Amino acid sequence: MTVLSFDDKGVDVIYEGTEFRMEKALIEEATGKAYPNVTDHEVLHLVEDDPQLSNEPRRIKDII
């Protein structure tokens, strides 16, 4: 299970027991969107090839 913790500067990720940080600029570059408009599902797709998506996507601005 992947854990994502969002704040206004990026995302803390725990993936397969490894913890790392994805900065806001990296996420914006990878998605081509402004950070607040990126969804949690889009971030999850950056981390995992085929993530299990069980709920509706939420924009980061709605999460933080």
N, C-alpha and C. Protein backbone atom coordinates (compact mmCIF):
# COMPACT_ATOMS: atom_id res chain seq x y z
N MET A 1 0.84 -1.19 0.00
CA MET A 1 0.00 0.00 0.00
C MET A 1 0.89 1.25 0.00
N THR A 2 0.54 2.21 -0.81
CA THR A 2 1.26 3.47 -0.90
C THR A 2 0.53 4.51 -0.06
N VAL A 3 1.30 5.26 0.72
CA VAL A 3 0.73 6.31 1.56
C VAL A 3 1.23 7.66 1.04
N LEU A 4 0.29 8.58 0.80
CA LEU A 4 0.62 9.92 0.34
C LEU A 4 0.19 10.92 1.40
N SER A 5 1.11 11.83 1.77
CA SER A 5 0.80 12.90 2.72
C SER A 5 1.10 14.23 2.03
N PHE A 6 0.06 15.00 1.77
CA PHE A 6 0.18 16.23 1.00
C PHE A 6 0.37 17.44 1.90
N ASP A 7 1.18 18.40 1.45
CA ASP A 7 1.24 19.73 2.04
C ASP A 7 1.43 20.73 0.90
N ASP A 8 1.55 21.99 1.22
CA ASP A 8 1.60 23.01 0.17
C ASP A 8 2.90 23.04 -0.61
N LYS A 9 3.90 22.26 -0.21
CA LYS A 9 5.20 22.26 -0.90
C LYS A 9 5.53 20.93 -1.58
N GLY A 10 4.67 19.93 -1.40
CA GLY A 10 4.94 18.64 -2.03
C GLY A 10 4.23 17.50 -1.32
N VAL A 11 4.71 16.30 -1.58
CA VAL A 11 4.07 15.09 -1.06
C VAL A 11 5.12 14.19 -0.44
N ASP A 12 4.85 13.75 0.80
CA ASP A 12 5.65 12.70 1.42
C ASP A 12 5.03 11.38 1.01
N VAL A 13 5.87 10.46 0.54
CA VAL A 13 5.39 9.19 0.01
C VAL A 13 6.04 8.04 0.78
N ILE A 14 5.25 7.03 1.09
CA ILE A 14 5.77 5.75 1.57
C ILE A 14 5.32 4.71 0.56
N TYR A 15 6.30 4.13 -0.14
CA TYR A 15 6.01 3.15 -1.19
C TYR A 15 6.88 1.92 -0.95
N GLU A 16 6.22 0.79 -0.73
CA GLU A 16 6.90 -0.48 -0.48
C GLU A 16 7.97 -0.33 0.60
N GLY A 17 7.62 0.38 1.68
CA GLY A 17 8.51 0.54 2.81
C GLY A 17 9.57 1.61 2.66
N THR A 18 9.63 2.27 1.51
CA THR A 18 10.60 3.33 1.27
C THR A 18 9.90 4.68 1.37
N GLU A 19 10.49 5.58 2.16
CA GLU A 19 9.94 6.92 2.32
C GLU A 19 10.74 7.90 1.47
N PHE A 20 10.02 8.78 0.76
CA PHE A 20 10.68 9.83 -0.01
C PHE A 20 9.74 11.00 -0.20
N ARG A 21 10.30 12.09 -0.69
CA ARG A 21 9.55 13.33 -0.88
C ARG A 21 9.47 13.67 -2.36
N MET A 22 8.30 14.04 -2.83
CA MET A 22 8.12 14.55 -4.19
C MET A 22 7.80 16.04 -4.06
N GLU A 23 8.69 16.87 -4.54
CA GLU A 23 8.50 18.31 -4.44
C GLU A 23 7.43 18.80 -5.42
N LYS A 24 6.81 19.90 -5.07
CA LYS A 24 5.76 20.52 -5.87
C LYS A 24 6.19 20.72 -7.33
N ALA A 25 7.39 21.24 -7.56
CA ALA A 25 7.88 21.51 -8.92
C ALA A 25 7.97 20.23 -9.75
N LEU A 26 8.40 19.15 -9.14
CA LEU A 26 8.51 17.87 -9.84
C LEU A 26 7.12 17.38 -10.26
N ILE A 27 6.16 17.49 -9.38
CA ILE A 27 4.79 17.05 -9.67
C ILE A 27 4.19 17.90 -10.78
N GLU A 28 4.41 19.21 -10.73
CA GLU A 28 3.90 20.10 -11.77
C GLU A 28 4.53 19.78 -13.13
N GLU A 29 5.82 19.52 -13.13
CA GLU A 29 6.50 19.20 -14.39
C GLU A 29 6.01 17.87 -14.96
N ALA A 30 5.82 16.89 -14.11
CA ALA A 30 5.41 15.56 -14.55
C ALA A 30 3.97 15.52 -15.05
N THR A 31 3.11 16.36 -14.47
CA THR A 31 1.70 16.33 -14.85
C THR A 31 1.32 17.43 -15.83
N GLY A 32 2.13 18.48 -15.91
CA GLY A 32 1.80 19.61 -16.77
C GLY A 32 0.67 20.46 -16.21
N LYS A 33 0.44 20.37 -14.91
CA LYS A 33 -0.63 21.11 -14.25
C LYS A 33 -0.07 21.89 -13.07
N ALA A 34 -0.81 22.92 -12.67
CA ALA A 34 -0.48 23.62 -11.44
C ALA A 34 -0.72 22.68 -10.26
N TYR A 35 0.16 22.70 -9.29
CA TYR A 35 0.12 21.78 -8.16
C TYR A 35 -1.27 21.66 -7.50
N PRO A 36 -1.97 22.77 -7.21
CA PRO A 36 -3.28 22.64 -6.55
C PRO A 36 -4.32 21.87 -7.38
N ASN A 37 -4.14 21.82 -8.70
CA ASN A 37 -5.12 21.16 -9.57
C ASN A 37 -4.79 19.70 -9.88
N VAL A 38 -3.66 19.23 -9.42
CA VAL A 38 -3.28 17.82 -9.61
C VAL A 38 -4.12 16.99 -8.64
N THR A 39 -4.53 15.79 -9.08
CA THR A 39 -5.31 14.93 -8.19
C THR A 39 -4.41 13.93 -7.47
N ASP A 40 -4.94 13.40 -6.39
CA ASP A 40 -4.23 12.36 -5.66
C ASP A 40 -3.99 11.14 -6.54
N HIS A 41 -4.93 10.84 -7.44
CA HIS A 41 -4.77 9.70 -8.35
C HIS A 41 -3.60 9.94 -9.32
N GLU A 42 -3.45 11.17 -9.79
CA GLU A 42 -2.33 11.48 -10.69
C GLU A 42 -1.00 11.30 -9.98
N VAL A 43 -0.92 11.73 -8.74
CA VAL A 43 0.32 11.55 -7.97
C VAL A 43 0.57 10.06 -7.75
N LEU A 44 -0.45 9.32 -7.44
CA LEU A 44 -0.30 7.88 -7.24
C LEU A 44 0.21 7.20 -8.50
N HIS A 45 -0.26 7.64 -9.66
CA HIS A 45 0.23 7.09 -10.93
C HIS A 45 1.70 7.42 -11.18
N LEU A 46 2.18 8.52 -10.62
CA LEU A 46 3.61 8.85 -10.74
C LEU A 46 4.46 7.89 -9.92
N VAL A 47 3.89 7.37 -8.85
CA VAL A 47 4.62 6.48 -7.94
C VAL A 47 4.50 5.02 -8.37
N GLU A 48 3.30 4.59 -8.72
CA GLU A 48 3.03 3.19 -9.06
C GLU A 48 2.63 3.05 -10.52
N ASP A 49 3.00 1.93 -11.13
CA ASP A 49 2.62 1.68 -12.52
C ASP A 49 1.12 1.40 -12.67
N ASP A 50 0.56 0.61 -11.78
CA ASP A 50 -0.85 0.21 -11.88
C ASP A 50 -1.48 0.26 -10.49
N PRO A 51 -1.74 1.48 -9.97
CA PRO A 51 -2.26 1.58 -8.60
C PRO A 51 -3.70 1.12 -8.49
N GLN A 52 -4.05 0.66 -7.31
CA GLN A 52 -5.43 0.29 -7.00
C GLN A 52 -6.16 1.57 -6.59
N LEU A 53 -7.09 2.03 -7.40
CA LEU A 53 -7.82 3.26 -7.14
C LEU A 53 -9.22 2.90 -6.66
N SER A 54 -9.53 3.24 -5.40
CA SER A 54 -10.80 2.79 -4.83
C SER A 54 -11.80 3.91 -4.59
N ASN A 55 -11.38 5.16 -4.78
CA ASN A 55 -12.31 6.25 -4.53
C ASN A 55 -12.21 7.29 -5.65
N GLU A 56 -13.00 8.33 -5.54
CA GLU A 56 -12.97 9.40 -6.53
C GLU A 56 -11.69 10.23 -6.37
N PRO A 57 -11.11 10.69 -7.47
CA PRO A 57 -9.91 11.52 -7.35
C PRO A 57 -10.23 12.85 -6.67
N ARG A 58 -9.28 13.33 -5.87
CA ARG A 58 -9.43 14.63 -5.21
C ARG A 58 -8.27 15.52 -5.58
N ARG A 59 -8.56 16.79 -5.84
CA ARG A 59 -7.49 17.74 -6.15
C ARG A 59 -6.73 18.08 -4.88
N ILE A 60 -5.43 18.34 -5.05
CA ILE A 60 -4.59 18.65 -3.89
C ILE A 60 -5.13 19.85 -3.14
N LYS A 61 -5.64 20.86 -3.86
CA LYS A 61 -6.17 22.04 -3.15
C LYS A 61 -7.35 21.68 -2.24
N ASP A 62 -8.06 20.61 -2.53
CA ASP A 62 -9.16 20.18 -1.68
C ASP A 62 -8.67 19.33 -0.51
N ILE A 63 -7.49 18.75 -0.64
CA ILE A 63 -6.92 17.90 0.40
C ILE A 63 -6.23 18.76 1.47
N ILE A 64 -5.44 19.75 0.99
CA ILE A 64 -4.70 20.56 1.97
C ILE A 64 -5.53 21.75 2.33
